[in-house]
Amino acid sequence: MSLIELKNAVKEYAAGDITVRALNDINLTVEQGEVIVVLGESGSGKSTLLNIMGGLDVLTAGEIFLEGKPYTNFKDIEMSKLRRQKFGFIFQSYNLLPLLTIYENIIAPLLLDQKRVQRKDVEKLSESLGIKEQLDKFPNQLSGGQQQRAAIVRALINHPKVIFADEPTGNLDKDTGEQVITCLIHAVKEEGATLVMVTHNEKLSSYADRVIRMENGKEIGQK
């Protein structure tokens, strides 16, 4: 059984009098433990694909399954619970709350789910990503690379089955971006999680177990 499966997935948006088909009849499976890189230019549908898989958007037609169970038509409260318990998200803009410390940012999703928080667990994961000494600082006191590492810790601290990363190195310089991706891949593998990462950066395909290419809302190839 696949971890995630999309069947005949279609996503359409209204743009004035025009209907834009961002995803066009996608059939795709994701297996447990895979590192998948989705490549494509802006407007290719890659971010829409990630948002659909991560429950941040809903399909116009088709179906999507997690471990064989459909979540195509989940209500908002059901989808929020699924995202908190099964998925982790890493975005280009880090999405750290400026008035919270790095530690508080990391544990916020756990508190929403009323889960017990162990500081030692946060420290252990943070140390593996090189930011243990930054936990009591605020986001504006950290470099971009450190903030993205904090976002990775936040995404992994709940031990999700899947990490969704949308252009995670887009705001970083080349060297810092490579360091962050190396940390991300190592952390995901250590946790036994699956990583789905969308990017336009061809070089990131070297980190993948599988590369999926998108163009005009369609999958045009895998390797």
C-alpha atoms as a PDB file:
ATOM      1  CA  MET A   1       0.000   0.000   0.000  1.00  0.00           C
ATOM      2  CA  SER A   2       1.341   3.422  -0.956  1.00  0.00           C
ATOM      3  CA  LEU A   3       1.691   6.134   1.665  1.00  0.00           C
ATOM      4  CA  ILE A   4      -0.038   8.738  -0.543  1.00  0.00           C
ATOM      5  CA  GLU A   5      -1.916   8.098  -3.763  1.00  0.00           C
ATOM      6  CA  LEU A   6      -3.575  10.535  -6.147  1.00  0.00           C
ATOM      7  CA  LYS A   7      -6.092   9.218  -8.671  1.00  0.00           C
ATOM      8  CA  ASN A   8      -7.153  11.344 -11.658  1.00  0.00           C
ATOM      9  CA  ALA A   9      -6.446  14.489  -9.621  1.00  0.00           C
ATOM     10  CA  VAL A  10      -7.747  17.745 -11.109  1.00  0.00           C
ATOM     11  CA  LYS A  11      -7.486  21.231  -9.651  1.00  0.00           C
ATOM     12  CA  GLU A  12      -9.096  24.208 -11.380  1.00  0.00           C
ATOM     13  CA  TYR A  13      -9.111  27.899 -10.509  1.00  0.00           C
ATOM     14  CA  ALA A  14     -11.300  30.658 -11.833  1.00  0.00           C
ATOM     15  CA  ALA A  15      -9.358  33.606 -13.270  1.00  0.00           C
ATOM     16  CA  GLY A  16     -12.004  36.075 -14.376  1.00  0.00           C
ATOM     17  CA  ASP A  17     -13.932  34.417 -17.190  1.00  0.00           C
ATOM     18  CA  ILE A  18     -11.221  31.814 -17.663  1.00  0.00           C
ATOM     19  CA  THR A  19     -10.845  28.485 -15.870  1.00  0.00           C
ATOM     20  CA  VAL A  20      -7.234  27.559 -15.220  1.00  0.00           C
ATOM     21  CA  ARG A  21      -6.473  23.864 -14.798  1.00  0.00           C
ATOM     22  CA  ALA A  22      -3.504  23.840 -12.402  1.00  0.00           C
ATOM     23  CA  LEU A  23      -3.518  20.045 -12.129  1.00  0.00           C
ATOM     24  CA  ASN A  24      -4.629  17.992 -15.099  1.00  0.00           C
ATOM     25  CA  ASP A  25      -5.541  14.361 -14.359  1.00  0.00           C
ATOM     26  CA  ILE A  26      -2.563  13.477 -12.142  1.00  0.00           C
ATOM     27  CA  ASN A  27      -1.992   9.877 -11.064  1.00  0.00           C
ATOM     28  CA  LEU A  28       0.825   9.555  -8.561  1.00  0.00           C
ATOM     29  CA  THR A  29       1.984   7.389  -5.657  1.00  0.00           C
ATOM     30  CA  VAL A  30       4.383   8.254  -2.851  1.00  0.00           C
ATOM     31  CA  GLU A  31       6.029   5.488  -0.847  1.00  0.00           C
ATOM     32  CA  GLN A  32       7.106   5.565   2.799  1.00  0.00           C
ATOM     33  CA  GLY A  33      10.681   6.809   3.239  1.00  0.00           C
ATOM     34  CA  GLU A  34      11.071   8.302  -0.239  1.00  0.00           C
ATOM     35  CA  VAL A  35      12.728  11.617  -0.967  1.00  0.00           C
ATOM     36  CA  ILE A  36      10.831  13.060  -3.931  1.00  0.00           C
ATOM     37  CA  VAL A  37      11.782  16.253  -5.744  1.00  0.00           C
ATOM     38  CA  VAL A  38       9.100  17.850  -7.925  1.00  0.00           C
ATOM     39  CA  LEU A  39      10.666  20.074 -10.589  1.00  0.00           C
ATOM     40  CA  GLY A  40       8.991  22.645 -12.782  1.00  0.00           C
ATOM     41  CA  GLU A  41       8.935  26.275 -13.793  1.00  0.00           C
ATOM     42  CA  SER A  42       6.642  28.826 -12.181  1.00  0.00           C
ATOM     43  CA  GLY A  43       3.051  27.984 -13.108  1.00  0.00           C
ATOM     44  CA  SER A  44       3.802  24.338 -13.854  1.00  0.00           C
ATOM     45  CA  GLY A  45       1.516  23.095 -11.068  1.00  0.00           C
ATOM     46  CA  LYS A  46       4.209  21.833  -8.707  1.00  0.00           C
ATOM     47  CA  SER A  47       3.177  23.967  -5.711  1.00  0.00           C
ATOM     48  CA  THR A  48      -0.480  23.171  -6.340  1.00  0.00           C
ATOM     49  CA  LEU A  49       0.413  19.486  -6.276  1.00  0.00           C
ATOM     50  CA  LEU A  50       2.180  19.911  -2.937  1.00  0.00           C
ATOM     51  CA  ASN A  51      -0.718  21.909  -1.479  1.00  0.00           C
ATOM     52  CA  ILE A  52      -3.216  19.246  -2.523  1.00  0.00           C
ATOM     53  CA  MET A  53      -1.124  16.424  -1.089  1.00  0.00           C
ATOM     54  CA  GLY A  54      -0.581  18.345   2.151  1.00  0.00           C
ATOM     55  CA  GLY A  55      -4.260  19.184   2.611  1.00  0.00           C
ATOM     56  CA  LEU A  56      -3.705  22.928   2.165  1.00  0.00           C
ATOM     57  CA  ASP A  57      -6.026  22.933  -0.850  1.00  0.00           C
ATOM     58  CA  VAL A  58      -8.820  20.688  -2.139  1.00  0.00           C
ATOM     59  CA  LEU A  59      -9.320  18.865  -5.409  1.00  0.00           C
ATOM     60  CA  THR A  60     -11.820  19.903  -8.040  1.00  0.00           C
ATOM     61  CA  ALA A  61     -12.073  16.267  -9.151  1.00  0.00           C
ATOM     62  CA  GLY A  62     -10.351  12.978  -8.451  1.00  0.00           C
ATOM     63  CA  GLU A  63      -9.280  11.354  -5.203  1.00  0.00           C
ATOM     64  CA  ILE A  64      -6.380  11.386  -2.754  1.00  0.00           C
ATOM     65  CA  PHE A  65      -5.523   8.738  -0.162  1.00  0.00           C
ATOM     66  CA  LEU A  66      -3.224   8.473   2.859  1.00  0.00           C
ATOM     67  CA  GLU A  67      -2.337   4.857   3.666  1.00  0.00           C
ATOM     68  CA  GLY A  68      -5.333   3.712   1.663  1.00  0.00           C
ATOM     69  CA  LYS A  69      -7.822   6.008   3.407  1.00  0.00           C
ATOM     70  CA  PRO A  70      -9.361   8.893   1.428  1.00  0.00           C
ATOM     71  CA  TYR A  71      -9.019  12.476   2.623  1.00  0.00           C
ATOM     72  CA  THR A  72     -10.412  14.050  -0.528  1.00  0.00           C
ATOM     73  CA  ASN A  73     -13.491  15.537   1.112  1.00  0.00           C
ATOM     74  CA  PHE A  74     -12.335  16.143   4.664  1.00  0.00           C
ATOM     75  CA  LYS A  75     -13.975  19.050   6.454  1.00  0.00           C
ATOM     76  CA  ASP A  76     -11.715  21.849   7.721  1.00  0.00           C
ATOM     77  CA  ILE A  77     -11.504  20.494  11.266  1.00  0.00           C
ATOM     78  CA  GLU A  78     -10.637  16.998  10.025  1.00  0.00           C
ATOM     79  CA  MET A  79      -8.005  18.343   7.627  1.00  0.00           C
ATOM     80  CA  SER A  80      -6.436  20.517  10.319  1.00  0.00           C
ATOM     81  CA  LYS A  81      -6.097  17.496  12.584  1.00  0.00           C
ATOM     82  CA  LEU A  82      -4.593  15.426   9.760  1.00  0.00           C
ATOM     83  CA  ARG A  83      -2.044  18.144   8.972  1.00  0.00           C
ATOM     84  CA  ARG A  84      -1.010  18.493  12.619  1.00  0.00           C
ATOM     85  CA  GLN A  85      -0.679  14.778  13.276  1.00  0.00           C
ATOM     86  CA  LYS A  86       0.627  13.336  10.013  1.00  0.00           C
ATOM     87  CA  PHE A  87       2.294  16.139   8.031  1.00  0.00           C
ATOM     88  CA  GLY A  88       5.055  18.678   8.497  1.00  0.00           C
ATOM     89  CA  PHE A  89       5.551  21.784   6.356  1.00  0.00           C
ATOM     90  CA  ILE A  90       8.605  23.827   5.408  1.00  0.00           C
ATOM     91  CA  PHE A  91       8.144  27.002   3.382  1.00  0.00           C
ATOM     92  CA  GLN A  92      10.462  29.370   1.579  1.00  0.00           C
ATOM     93  CA  SER A  93       9.557  32.202   3.983  1.00  0.00           C
ATOM     94  CA  TYR A  94      10.217  30.132   7.177  1.00  0.00           C
ATOM     95  CA  ASN A  95       6.848  31.251   8.731  1.00  0.00           C
ATOM     96  CA  LEU A  96       8.291  31.746  12.213  1.00  0.00           C
ATOM     97  CA  LEU A  97       6.249  33.925  14.562  1.00  0.00           C
ATOM     98  CA  PRO A  98       8.391  36.979  15.401  1.00  0.00           C
ATOM     99  CA  LEU A  99       7.153  37.450  18.980  1.00  0.00           C
ATOM    100  CA  LEU A 100       7.915  33.862  19.997  1.00  0.00           C
ATOM    101  CA  THR A 101      11.341  32.401  20.727  1.00  0.00           C
ATOM    102  CA  ILE A 102      12.661  29.680  18.458  1.00  0.00           C
ATOM    103  CA  TYR A 103      11.772  27.094  21.102  1.00  0.00           C
ATOM    104  CA  GLU A 104       8.240  28.465  21.383  1.00  0.00           C
ATOM    105  CA  ASN A 105       7.879  28.433  17.593  1.00  0.00           C
ATOM    106  CA  ILE A 106       8.973  24.807  17.457  1.00  0.00           C
ATOM    107  CA  ILE A 107       6.577  23.545  20.128  1.00  0.00           C
ATOM    108  CA  ALA A 108       3.555  25.610  19.032  1.00  0.00           C
ATOM    109  CA  PRO A 109       2.070  22.817  16.829  1.00  0.00           C
ATOM    110  CA  LEU A 110       2.409  20.341  19.723  1.00  0.00           C
ATOM    111  CA  LEU A 111       0.587  22.669  22.101  1.00  0.00           C
ATOM    112  CA  LEU A 112      -2.243  23.064  19.592  1.00  0.00           C
ATOM    113  CA  ASP A 113      -2.665  19.300  19.704  1.00  0.00           C
ATOM    114  CA  GLN A 114      -2.409  19.293  23.521  1.00  0.00           C
ATOM    115  CA  LYS A 115       0.636  17.034  23.398  1.00  0.00           C
ATOM    116  CA  ARG A 116       3.225  16.780  26.130  1.00  0.00           C
ATOM    117  CA  VAL A 117       6.372  18.724  25.309  1.00  0.00           C
ATOM    118  CA  GLN A 118       9.806  17.510  26.336  1.00  0.00           C
ATOM    119  CA  ARG A 119      12.489  20.195  26.003  1.00  0.00           C
ATOM    120  CA  LYS A 120      15.150  17.497  25.755  1.00  0.00           C
ATOM    121  CA  ASP A 121      13.484  16.178  22.570  1.00  0.00           C
ATOM    122  CA  VAL A 122      13.559  19.647  21.026  1.00  0.00           C
ATOM    123  CA  GLU A 123      17.181  20.113  22.094  1.00  0.00           C
ATOM    124  CA  LYS A 124      18.240  16.754  20.636  1.00  0.00           C
ATOM    125  CA  LEU A 125      16.713  17.455  17.233  1.00  0.00           C
ATOM    126  CA  SER A 126      17.920  21.063  17.288  1.00  0.00           C
ATOM    127  CA  GLU A 127      21.458  19.927  18.072  1.00  0.00           C
ATOM    128  CA  SER A 128      21.464  17.603  15.052  1.00  0.00           C
ATOM    129  CA  LEU A 129      20.579  20.628  12.920  1.00  0.00           C
ATOM    130  CA  GLY A 130      23.083  22.934  14.591  1.00  0.00           C
ATOM    131  CA  ILE A 131      20.699  25.361  16.303  1.00  0.00           C
ATOM    132  CA  LYS A 132      20.538  24.101  19.901  1.00  0.00           C
ATOM    133  CA  GLU A 133      22.216  27.291  21.110  1.00  0.00           C
ATOM    134  CA  GLN A 134      19.606  29.432  19.332  1.00  0.00           C
ATOM    135  CA  LEU A 135      16.470  28.058  21.013  1.00  0.00           C
ATOM    136  CA  ASP A 136      15.927  30.977  23.388  1.00  0.00           C
ATOM    137  CA  LYS A 137      16.543  33.639  20.762  1.00  0.00           C
ATOM    138  CA  PHE A 138      13.927  35.338  18.579  1.00  0.00           C
ATOM    139  CA  PRO A 139      13.710  34.795  14.802  1.00  0.00           C
ATOM    140  CA  ASN A 140      15.167  38.228  13.958  1.00  0.00           C
ATOM    141  CA  GLN A 141      18.312  37.303  15.891  1.00  0.00           C
ATOM    142  CA  LEU A 142      19.034  34.367  13.578  1.00  0.00           C
ATOM    143  CA  SER A 143      20.420  34.164  10.056  1.00  0.00           C
ATOM    144  CA  GLY A 144      18.211  32.938   7.215  1.00  0.00           C
ATOM    145  CA  GLY A 145      19.858  29.528   7.307  1.00  0.00           C
ATOM    146  CA  GLN A 146      19.311  29.225  11.044  1.00  0.00           C
ATOM    147  CA  GLN A 147      15.663  30.234  10.701  1.00  0.00           C
ATOM    148  CA  GLN A 148      15.130  27.583   8.031  1.00  0.00           C
ATOM    149  CA  ARG A 149      16.762  24.983  10.280  1.00  0.00           C
ATOM    150  CA  ALA A 150      14.349  26.027  13.028  1.00  0.00           C
ATOM    151  CA  ALA A 151      11.463  25.538  10.600  1.00  0.00           C
ATOM    152  CA  ILE A 152      12.802  22.048   9.843  1.00  0.00           C
ATOM    153  CA  VAL A 153      12.891  21.191  13.561  1.00  0.00           C
ATOM    154  CA  ARG A 154       9.315  22.484  13.923  1.00  0.00           C
ATOM    155  CA  ALA A 155       8.211  20.316  10.997  1.00  0.00           C
ATOM    156  CA  LEU A 156       9.886  17.192  12.387  1.00  0.00           C
ATOM    157  CA  ILE A 157       9.213  17.507  16.123  1.00  0.00           C
ATOM    158  CA  ASN A 158       5.814  15.807  15.867  1.00  0.00           C
ATOM    159  CA  HIS A 159       7.376  12.843  14.007  1.00  0.00           C
ATOM    160  CA  PRO A 160       5.195  13.260  10.902  1.00  0.00           C
ATOM    161  CA  LYS A 161       4.878  10.661   8.197  1.00  0.00           C
ATOM    162  CA  VAL A 162       5.423  13.241   5.438  1.00  0.00           C
ATOM    163  CA  ILE A 163       7.368  16.491   5.198  1.00  0.00           C
ATOM    164  CA  PHE A 164       6.242  18.876   2.457  1.00  0.00           C
ATOM    165  CA  ALA A 165       8.855  21.484   1.501  1.00  0.00           C
ATOM    166  CA  ASP A 166       8.037  24.331  -0.887  1.00  0.00           C
ATOM    167  CA  GLU A 167      11.208  25.960  -2.290  1.00  0.00           C
ATOM    168  CA  PRO A 168      12.952  25.572   1.100  1.00  0.00           C
ATOM    169  CA  THR A 169      16.208  27.148  -0.130  1.00  0.00           C
ATOM    170  CA  GLY A 170      14.606  29.929  -2.174  1.00  0.00           C
ATOM    171  CA  ASN A 171      15.590  32.692   0.270  1.00  0.00           C
ATOM    172  CA  LEU A 172      19.094  31.367   0.953  1.00  0.00           C
ATOM    173  CA  ASP A 173      22.417  31.824  -0.799  1.00  0.00           C
ATOM    174  CA  LYS A 174      23.932  28.826  -2.596  1.00  0.00           C
ATOM    175  CA  ASP A 175      26.255  27.596   0.154  1.00  0.00           C
ATOM    176  CA  THR A 176      23.711  28.064   2.957  1.00  0.00           C
ATOM    177  CA  GLY A 177      21.024  26.412   0.830  1.00  0.00           C
ATOM    178  CA  GLU A 178      23.186  23.350   0.279  1.00  0.00           C
ATOM    179  CA  GLN A 179      23.923  23.106   4.001  1.00  0.00           C
ATOM    180  CA  VAL A 180      20.222  23.357   4.859  1.00  0.00           C
ATOM    181  CA  ILE A 181      19.218  20.714   2.293  1.00  0.00           C
ATOM    182  CA  THR A 182      21.897  18.350   3.574  1.00  0.00           C
ATOM    183  CA  CYS A 183      20.576  18.828   7.125  1.00  0.00           C
ATOM    184  CA  LEU A 184      16.986  18.365   5.950  1.00  0.00           C
ATOM    185  CA  ILE A 185      17.698  15.111   4.085  1.00  0.00           C
ATOM    186  CA  HIS A 186      19.684  13.719   7.022  1.00  0.00           C
ATOM    187  CA  ALA A 187      16.982  14.640   9.542  1.00  0.00           C
ATOM    188  CA  VAL A 188      14.180  13.191   7.409  1.00  0.00           C
ATOM    189  CA  LYS A 189      16.084   9.937   6.927  1.00  0.00           C
ATOM    190  CA  GLU A 190      16.854   9.727  10.656  1.00  0.00           C
ATOM    191  CA  GLU A 191      13.161  10.175  11.469  1.00  0.00           C
ATOM    192  CA  GLY A 192      12.113   7.609   8.857  1.00  0.00           C
ATOM    193  CA  ALA A 193       9.835  10.192   7.265  1.00  0.00           C
ATOM    194  CA  THR A 194       8.976  10.852   3.631  1.00  0.00           C
ATOM    195  CA  LEU A 195       9.991  14.119   1.956  1.00  0.00           C
ATOM    196  CA  VAL A 196       8.177  15.760  -0.947  1.00  0.00           C
ATOM    197  CA  MET A 197      10.035  18.890  -2.041  1.00  0.00           C
ATOM    198  CA  VAL A 198       9.038  21.211  -4.881  1.00  0.00           C
ATOM    199  CA  THR A 199      11.588  23.468  -6.539  1.00  0.00           C
ATOM    200  CA  HIS A 200      12.684  24.988  -9.819  1.00  0.00           C
ATOM    201  CA  ASN A 201      16.333  24.308  -8.891  1.00  0.00           C
ATOM    202  CA  GLU A 202      17.533  21.402 -11.016  1.00  0.00           C
ATOM    203  CA  LYS A 203      20.547  20.822  -8.750  1.00  0.00           C
ATOM    204  CA  LEU A 204      18.315  19.671  -5.904  1.00  0.00           C
ATOM    205  CA  SER A 205      17.315  16.623  -7.960  1.00  0.00           C
ATOM    206  CA  SER A 206      20.642  15.042  -6.943  1.00  0.00           C
ATOM    207  CA  TYR A 207      19.238  14.582  -3.424  1.00  0.00           C
ATOM    208  CA  ALA A 208      16.148  12.689  -4.591  1.00  0.00           C
ATOM    209  CA  ASP A 209      15.227   9.032  -4.723  1.00  0.00           C
ATOM    210  CA  ARG A 210      12.768  10.041  -7.421  1.00  0.00           C
ATOM    211  CA  VAL A 211      12.320  13.165  -9.546  1.00  0.00           C
ATOM    212  CA  ILE A 212       8.925  14.203 -10.917  1.00  0.00           C
ATOM    213  CA  ARG A 213       8.732  16.872 -13.604  1.00  0.00           C
ATOM    214  CA  MET A 214       5.672  19.076 -14.014  1.00  0.00           C
ATOM    215  CA  GLU A 215       4.611  21.250 -16.936  1.00  0.00           C
ATOM    216  CA  ASN A 216       1.235  22.950 -17.540  1.00  0.00           C
ATOM    217  CA  GLY A 217      -0.402  20.996 -14.725  1.00  0.00           C
ATOM    218  CA  LYS A 218       0.737  17.623 -16.022  1.00  0.00           C
ATOM    219  CA  GLU A 219       3.401  15.177 -14.991  1.00  0.00           C
ATOM    220  CA  ILE A 220       5.790  14.963 -17.950  1.00  0.00           C
ATOM    221  CA  GLY A 221       8.307  12.507 -16.585  1.00  0.00           C
ATOM    222  CA  GLN A 222       9.871  10.647 -13.687  1.00  0.00           C
ATOM    223  CA  LYS A 223      13.284   9.210 -13.018  1.00  0.00           C
END
